[in-house]
Amino acid sequence: MYSCVRPICCPPVCCVQDSYYQRFVPVIQPVVTINRQNVIDVPQVYYQRTTRNVVVNQGFQGQGVLPGRANRLF
């Protein structure tokens, strides 16, 4: 009746099942802290005290005496 039949082999069909896993990758973000010191000029007054000795020549103040002339009494 029937003779031996040879099977037909087809190429394989791929069925992909994807699965996902987390893998952490380090990301480095540098942060620079700047400490500012702002200098503001503020005037500060210093007083330097000095003392002077002044001699005032008032001249001779006698009666009837005129400078440069002989002393005559009238």
PDB file of N, CA and C in Angstrom:
ATOM      1  N   MET A   1       0.780  -1.158   0.000  1.00  0.00           N
ATOM      2  CA  MET A   1       0.000   0.000   0.000  1.00  0.00           C
ATOM      3  C   MET A   1       0.846   1.256   0.000  1.00  0.00           C
ATOM      4  N   TYR A   2       1.056   1.780   1.103  1.00  0.00           N
ATOM      5  CA  TYR A   2       1.829   3.017   1.120  1.00  0.00           C
ATOM      6  C   TYR A   2       3.293   2.658   1.258  1.00  0.00           C
ATOM      7  N   SER A   3       4.071   3.442   0.579  1.00  0.00           N
ATOM      8  CA  SER A   3       5.495   3.225   0.708  1.00  0.00           C
ATOM      9  C   SER A   3       6.039   4.155   1.789  1.00  0.00           C
ATOM     10  N   CYS A   4       7.202   3.973   2.138  1.00  0.00           N
ATOM     11  CA  CYS A   4       7.835   4.784   3.167  1.00  0.00           C
ATOM     12  C   CYS A   4       7.956   6.215   2.693  1.00  0.00           C
ATOM     13  N   VAL A   5       7.492   7.118   3.459  1.00  0.00           N
ATOM     14  CA  VAL A   5       7.506   8.542   3.100  1.00  0.00           C
ATOM     15  C   VAL A   5       8.670   9.197   3.847  1.00  0.00           C
ATOM     16  N   ARG A   6       9.393   9.968   3.129  1.00  0.00           N
ATOM     17  CA  ARG A   6      10.494  10.693   3.740  1.00  0.00           C
ATOM     18  C   ARG A   6       9.952  12.004   4.298  1.00  0.00           C
ATOM     19  N   PRO A   7      10.262  12.315   5.566  1.00  0.00           N
ATOM     20  CA  PRO A   7       9.752  13.565   6.142  1.00  0.00           C
ATOM     21  C   PRO A   7      10.462  14.770   5.549  1.00  0.00           C
ATOM     22  N   ILE A   8       9.800  15.861   5.528  1.00  0.00           N
ATOM     23  CA  ILE A   8      10.362  17.123   5.050  1.00  0.00           C
ATOM     24  C   ILE A   8      10.814  17.885   6.295  1.00  0.00           C
ATOM     25  N   CYS A   9      12.080  18.298   6.318  1.00  0.00           N
ATOM     26  CA  CYS A   9      12.632  19.083   7.439  1.00  0.00           C
ATOM     27  C   CYS A   9      12.706  20.542   7.031  1.00  0.00           C
ATOM     28  N   CYS A  10      12.022  21.358   7.710  1.00  0.00           N
ATOM     29  CA  CYS A  10      12.042  22.804   7.457  1.00  0.00           C
ATOM     30  C   CYS A  10      13.124  23.427   8.334  1.00  0.00           C
ATOM     31  N   PRO A  11      13.655  24.617   7.910  1.00  0.00           N
ATOM     32  CA  PRO A  11      14.616  25.312   8.773  1.00  0.00           C
ATOM     33  C   PRO A  11      13.918  25.759  10.051  1.00  0.00           C
ATOM     34  N   PRO A  12      14.665  25.855  11.120  1.00  0.00           N
ATOM     35  CA  PRO A  12      14.005  26.201  12.381  1.00  0.00           C
ATOM     36  C   PRO A  12      13.481  27.647  12.385  1.00  0.00           C
ATOM     37  N   VAL A  13      12.467  27.857  13.074  1.00  0.00           N
ATOM     38  CA  VAL A  13      11.869  29.174  13.266  1.00  0.00           C
ATOM     39  C   VAL A  13      12.309  29.636  14.658  1.00  0.00           C
ATOM     40  N   CYS A  14      12.859  30.869  14.727  1.00  0.00           N
ATOM     41  CA  CYS A  14      13.346  31.394  16.015  1.00  0.00           C
ATOM     42  C   CYS A  14      12.239  32.179  16.687  1.00  0.00           C
ATOM     43  N   CYS A  15      12.027  31.885  17.887  1.00  0.00           N
ATOM     44  CA  CYS A  15      11.082  32.635  18.703  1.00  0.00           C
ATOM     45  C   CYS A  15      11.899  33.198  19.865  1.00  0.00           C
ATOM     46  N   VAL A  16      12.025  34.542  19.937  1.00  0.00           N
ATOM     47  CA  VAL A  16      12.872  35.198  20.922  1.00  0.00           C
ATOM     48  C   VAL A  16      12.014  35.701  22.071  1.00  0.00           C
ATOM     49  N   GLN A  17      12.407  35.389  23.274  1.00  0.00           N
ATOM     50  CA  GLN A  17      11.758  35.935  24.462  1.00  0.00           C
ATOM     51  C   GLN A  17      12.765  36.875  25.121  1.00  0.00           C
ATOM     52  N   ASP A  18      12.487  38.166  25.067  1.00  0.00           N
ATOM     53  CA  ASP A  18      13.377  39.152  25.665  1.00  0.00           C
ATOM     54  C   ASP A  18      13.037  39.342  27.146  1.00  0.00           C
ATOM     55  N   SER A  19      14.063  39.420  27.937  1.00  0.00           N
ATOM     56  CA  SER A  19      13.895  39.780  29.340  1.00  0.00           C
ATOM     57  C   SER A  19      14.937  40.855  29.654  1.00  0.00           C
ATOM     58  N   TYR A  20      14.608  41.755  30.590  1.00  0.00           N
ATOM     59  CA  TYR A  20      15.455  42.908  30.881  1.00  0.00           C
ATOM     60  C   TYR A  20      15.842  42.917  32.349  1.00  0.00           C
ATOM     61  N   TYR A  21      17.071  43.289  32.597  1.00  0.00           N
ATOM     62  CA  TYR A  21      17.593  43.387  33.955  1.00  0.00           C
ATOM     63  C   TYR A  21      18.264  44.743  34.111  1.00  0.00           C
ATOM     64  N   GLN A  22      18.137  45.293  35.292  1.00  0.00           N
ATOM     65  CA  GLN A  22      18.770  46.587  35.543  1.00  0.00           C
ATOM     66  C   GLN A  22      20.235  46.380  35.896  1.00  0.00           C
ATOM     67  N   ARG A  23      21.053  47.218  35.310  1.00  0.00           N
ATOM     68  CA  ARG A  23      22.475  47.255  35.655  1.00  0.00           C
ATOM     69  C   ARG A  23      22.816  48.719  35.875  1.00  0.00           C
ATOM     70  N   PHE A  24      23.198  49.053  37.081  1.00  0.00           N
ATOM     71  CA  PHE A  24      23.464  50.439  37.416  1.00  0.00           C
ATOM     72  C   PHE A  24      24.849  50.835  36.929  1.00  0.00           C
ATOM     73  N   VAL A  25      24.899  51.969  36.256  1.00  0.00           N
ATOM     74  CA  VAL A  25      26.158  52.520  35.760  1.00  0.00           C
ATOM     75  C   VAL A  25      26.414  53.798  36.541  1.00  0.00           C
ATOM     76  N   PRO A  26      27.556  53.896  37.242  1.00  0.00           N
ATOM     77  CA  PRO A  26      27.826  55.109  38.014  1.00  0.00           C
ATOM     78  C   PRO A  26      28.030  56.319  37.091  1.00  0.00           C
ATOM     79  N   VAL A  27      27.342  57.390  37.422  1.00  0.00           N
ATOM     80  CA  VAL A  27      27.515  58.669  36.729  1.00  0.00           C
ATOM     81  C   VAL A  27      28.033  59.643  37.785  1.00  0.00           C
ATOM     82  N   ILE A  28      29.233  60.158  37.580  1.00  0.00           N
ATOM     83  CA  ILE A  28      29.862  61.031  38.567  1.00  0.00           C
ATOM     84  C   ILE A  28      29.630  62.483  38.163  1.00  0.00           C
ATOM     85  N   GLN A  29      28.994  63.245  39.061  1.00  0.00           N
ATOM     86  CA  GLN A  29      28.740  64.665  38.818  1.00  0.00           C
ATOM     87  C   GLN A  29      29.503  65.465  39.853  1.00  0.00           C
ATOM     88  N   PRO A  30      30.631  66.092  39.464  1.00  0.00           N
ATOM     89  CA  PRO A  30      31.390  66.880  40.435  1.00  0.00           C
ATOM     90  C   PRO A  30      30.610  68.134  40.863  1.00  0.00           C
ATOM     91  N   VAL A  31      30.709  68.439  42.141  1.00  0.00           N
ATOM     92  CA  VAL A  31      30.104  69.649  42.698  1.00  0.00           C
ATOM     93  C   VAL A  31      31.220  70.419  43.388  1.00  0.00           C
ATOM     94  N   VAL A  32      31.414  71.672  42.986  1.00  0.00           N
ATOM     95  CA  VAL A  32      32.463  72.509  43.558  1.00  0.00           C
ATOM     96  C   VAL A  32      31.799  73.545  44.458  1.00  0.00           C
ATOM     97  N   THR A  33      32.208  73.579  45.720  1.00  0.00           N
ATOM     98  CA  THR A  33      31.716  74.587  46.656  1.00  0.00           C
ATOM     99  C   THR A  33      32.748  75.702  46.734  1.00  0.00           C
ATOM    100  N   ILE A  34      32.316  76.920  46.462  1.00  0.00           N
ATOM    101  CA  ILE A  34      33.220  78.071  46.468  1.00  0.00           C
ATOM    102  C   ILE A  34      32.900  78.919  47.691  1.00  0.00           C
ATOM    103  N   ASN A  35      33.881  79.086  48.560  1.00  0.00           N
ATOM    104  CA  ASN A  35      33.728  79.955  49.731  1.00  0.00           C
ATOM    105  C   ASN A  35      34.293  81.325  49.364  1.00  0.00           C
ATOM    106  N   ARG A  36      33.437  82.289  49.204  1.00  0.00           N
ATOM    107  CA  ARG A  36      33.865  83.632  48.820  1.00  0.00           C
ATOM    108  C   ARG A  36      34.058  84.498  50.046  1.00  0.00           C
ATOM    109  N   GLN A  37      35.129  85.270  50.028  1.00  0.00           N
ATOM    110  CA  GLN A  37      35.363  86.262  51.067  1.00  0.00           C
ATOM    111  C   GLN A  37      35.466  87.606  50.368  1.00  0.00           C
ATOM    112  N   ASN A  38      34.436  88.389  50.487  1.00  0.00           N
ATOM    113  CA  ASN A  38      34.387  89.689  49.830  1.00  0.00           C
ATOM    114  C   ASN A  38      34.941  90.745  50.783  1.00  0.00           C
ATOM    115  N   VAL A  39      35.943  91.473  50.316  1.00  0.00           N
ATOM    116  CA  VAL A  39      36.587  92.493  51.142  1.00  0.00           C
ATOM    117  C   VAL A  39      36.006  93.846  50.752  1.00  0.00           C
ATOM    118  N   ILE A  40      35.513  94.562  51.747  1.00  0.00           N
ATOM    119  CA  ILE A  40      34.939  95.889  51.533  1.00  0.00           C
ATOM    120  C   ILE A  40      35.791  96.881  52.305  1.00  0.00           C
ATOM    121  N   ASP A  41      36.274  97.924  51.619  1.00  0.00           N
ATOM    122  CA  ASP A  41      37.089  98.946  52.274  1.00  0.00           C
ATOM    123  C   ASP A  41      36.196  99.866  53.102  1.00  0.00           C
ATOM    124  N   VAL A  42      36.511  99.985  54.386  1.00  0.00           N
ATOM    125  CA  VAL A  42      35.781 100.869  55.295  1.00  0.00           C
ATOM    126  C   VAL A  42      36.794 101.852  55.865  1.00  0.00           C
ATOM    127  N   PRO A  43      36.591 103.163  55.636  1.00  0.00           N
ATOM    128  CA  PRO A  43      37.553 104.145  56.156  1.00  0.00           C
ATOM    129  C   PRO A  43      37.551 104.166  57.687  1.00  0.00           C
ATOM    130  N   GLN A  44      38.737 104.211  58.254  1.00  0.00           N
ATOM    131  CA  GLN A  44      38.886 104.323  59.700  1.00  0.00           C
ATOM    132  C   GLN A  44      39.832 105.490  59.947  1.00  0.00           C
ATOM    133  N   VAL A  45      39.339 106.503  60.648  1.00  0.00           N
ATOM    134  CA  VAL A  45      40.084 107.748  60.818  1.00  0.00           C
ATOM    135  C   VAL A  45      40.978 107.650  62.049  1.00  0.00           C
ATOM    136  N   TYR A  46      42.239 107.995  61.861  1.00  0.00           N
ATOM    137  CA  TYR A  46      43.192 108.086  62.966  1.00  0.00           C
ATOM    138  C   TYR A  46      43.636 109.544  63.051  1.00  0.00           C
ATOM    139  N   TYR A  47      43.649 110.105  64.251  1.00  0.00           N
ATOM    140  CA  TYR A  47      44.078 111.481  64.441  1.00  0.00           C
ATOM    141  C   TYR A  47      45.505 111.482  64.967  1.00  0.00           C
ATOM    142  N   GLN A  48      46.342 112.282  64.332  1.00  0.00           N
ATOM    143  CA  GLN A  48      47.723 112.442  64.798  1.00  0.00           C
ATOM    144  C   GLN A  48      47.819 113.831  65.432  1.00  0.00           C
ATOM    145  N   ARG A  49      47.980 113.867  66.724  1.00  0.00           N
ATOM    146  CA  ARG A  49      48.001 115.140  67.440  1.00  0.00           C
ATOM    147  C   ARG A  49      49.433 115.623  67.578  1.00  0.00           C
ATOM    148  N   THR A  50      49.618 116.917  67.351  1.00  0.00           N
ATOM    149  CA  THR A  50      50.909 117.560  67.568  1.00  0.00           C
ATOM    150  C   THR A  50      50.687 118.789  68.430  1.00  0.00           C
ATOM    151  N   THR A  51      51.731 119.220  69.124  1.00  0.00           N
ATOM    152  CA  THR A  51      51.673 120.425  69.949  1.00  0.00           C
ATOM    153  C   THR A  51      52.745 121.366  69.463  1.00  0.00           C
ATOM    154  N   ARG A  52      52.367 122.623  69.244  1.00  0.00           N
ATOM    155  CA  ARG A  52      53.317 123.646  68.815  1.00  0.00           C
ATOM    156  C   ARG A  52      53.395 124.734  69.874  1.00  0.00           C
ATOM    157  N   ASN A  53      54.592 125.161  70.145  1.00  0.00           N
ATOM    158  CA  ASN A  53      54.803 126.304  71.039  1.00  0.00           C
ATOM    159  C   ASN A  53      55.115 127.504  70.156  1.00  0.00           C
ATOM    160  N   VAL A  54      54.275 128.520  70.235  1.00  0.00           N
ATOM    161  CA  VAL A  54      54.429 129.711  69.404  1.00  0.00           C
ATOM    162  C   VAL A  54      54.769 130.879  70.331  1.00  0.00           C
ATOM    163  N   VAL A  55      55.845 131.601  69.994  1.00  0.00           N
ATOM    164  CA  VAL A  55      56.235 132.786  70.760  1.00  0.00           C
ATOM    165  C   VAL A  55      55.784 134.002  69.962  1.00  0.00           C
ATOM    166  N   VAL A  56      54.980 134.836  70.605  1.00  0.00           N
ATOM    167  CA  VAL A  56      54.497 136.050  69.953  1.00  0.00           C
ATOM    168  C   VAL A  56      55.261 137.216  70.559  1.00  0.00           C
ATOM    169  N   ASN A  57      56.017 137.942  69.739  1.00  0.00           N
ATOM    170  CA  ASN A  57      56.801 139.096  70.204  1.00  0.00           C
ATOM    171  C   ASN A  57      55.904 140.322  70.148  1.00  0.00           C
ATOM    172  N   GLN A  58      55.501 140.807  71.305  1.00  0.00           N
ATOM    173  CA  GLN A  58      54.647 141.983  71.374  1.00  0.00           C
ATOM    174  C   GLN A  58      55.469 143.272  71.351  1.00  0.00           C
ATOM    175  N   GLY A  59      56.766 143.159  71.443  1.00  0.00           N
ATOM    176  CA  GLY A  59      57.591 144.366  71.475  1.00  0.00           C
ATOM    177  C   GLY A  59      57.566 144.992  72.867  1.00  0.00           C
ATOM    178  N   PHE A  60      58.357 146.061  73.037  1.00  0.00           N
ATOM    179  CA  PHE A  60      58.403 146.756  74.307  1.00  0.00           C
ATOM    180  C   PHE A  60      57.189 147.656  74.419  1.00  0.00           C
ATOM    181  N   GLN A  61      56.470 147.602  75.513  1.00  0.00           N
ATOM    182  CA  GLN A  61      55.230 148.346  75.644  1.00  0.00           C
ATOM    183  C   GLN A  61      55.324 149.406  76.749  1.00  0.00           C
ATOM    184  N   GLY A  62      56.458 150.071  76.842  1.00  0.00           N
ATOM    185  CA  GLY A  62      56.595 151.126  77.846  1.00  0.00           C
ATOM    186  C   GLY A  62      55.902 152.409  77.395  1.00  0.00           C
ATOM    187  N   GLN A  63      55.700 153.339  78.314  1.00  0.00           N
ATOM    188  CA  GLN A  63      55.035 154.598  77.970  1.00  0.00           C
ATOM    189  C   GLN A  63      55.967 155.504  77.195  1.00  0.00           C
ATOM    190  N   GLY A  64      55.465 156.068  76.136  1.00  0.00           N
ATOM    191  CA  GLY A  64      56.198 157.067  75.383  1.00  0.00           C
ATOM    192  C   GLY A  64      57.365 156.525  74.596  1.00  0.00           C
ATOM    193  N   VAL A  65      57.470 155.286  74.463  1.00  0.00           N
ATOM    194  CA  VAL A  65      58.586 154.725  73.708  1.00  0.00           C
ATOM    195  C   VAL A  65      58.086 154.351  72.330  1.00  0.00           C
ATOM    196  N   LEU A  66      58.726 154.913  71.346  1.00  0.00           N
ATOM    197  CA  LEU A  66      58.392 154.573  69.973  1.00  0.00           C
ATOM    198  C   LEU A  66      59.547 153.778  69.384  1.00  0.00           C
ATOM    199  N   PRO A  67      59.293 152.843  68.633  1.00  0.00           N
ATOM    200  CA  PRO A  67      60.376 152.032  68.095  1.00  0.00           C
ATOM    201  C   PRO A  67      61.270 152.845  67.184  1.00  0.00           C
ATOM    202  N   GLY A  68      62.589 152.687  67.315  1.00  0.00           N
ATOM    203  CA  GLY A  68      63.559 153.363  66.461  1.00  0.00           C
ATOM    204  C   GLY A  68      63.889 154.785  66.874  1.00  0.00           C
ATOM    205  N   ARG A  69      63.304 155.323  67.913  1.00  0.00           N
ATOM    206  CA  ARG A  69      63.572 156.691  68.340  1.00  0.00           C
ATOM    207  C   ARG A  69      64.063 156.691  69.781  1.00  0.00           C
ATOM    208  N   ALA A  70      64.763 157.707  70.140  1.00  0.00           N
ATOM    209  CA  ALA A  70      65.239 157.817  71.512  1.00  0.00           C
ATOM    210  C   ALA A  70      64.060 158.101  72.420  1.00  0.00           C
ATOM    211  N   ASN A  71      64.213 157.709  73.655  1.00  0.00           N
ATOM    212  CA  ASN A  71      63.141 157.877  74.618  1.00  0.00           C
ATOM    213  C   ASN A  71      63.170 159.330  75.129  1.00  0.00           C
ATOM    214  N   ARG A  72      62.203 160.115  74.692  1.00  0.00           N
ATOM    215  CA  ARG A  72      62.120 161.505  75.113  1.00  0.00           C
ATOM    216  C   ARG A  72      60.830 161.706  75.865  1.00  0.00           C
ATOM    217  N   LEU A  73      60.903 162.367  76.914  1.00  0.00           N
ATOM    218  CA  LEU A  73      59.702 162.711  77.639  1.00  0.00           C
ATOM    219  C   LEU A  73      59.419 164.187  77.387  1.00  0.00           C
ATOM    220  N   PHE A  74      58.255 164.514  77.044  1.00  0.00           N
ATOM    221  CA  PHE A  74      57.882 165.913  76.767  1.00  0.00           C
ATOM    222  C   PHE A  74      57.335 166.562  77.957  1.00  0.00           C
TER     223      PHE A  74
END
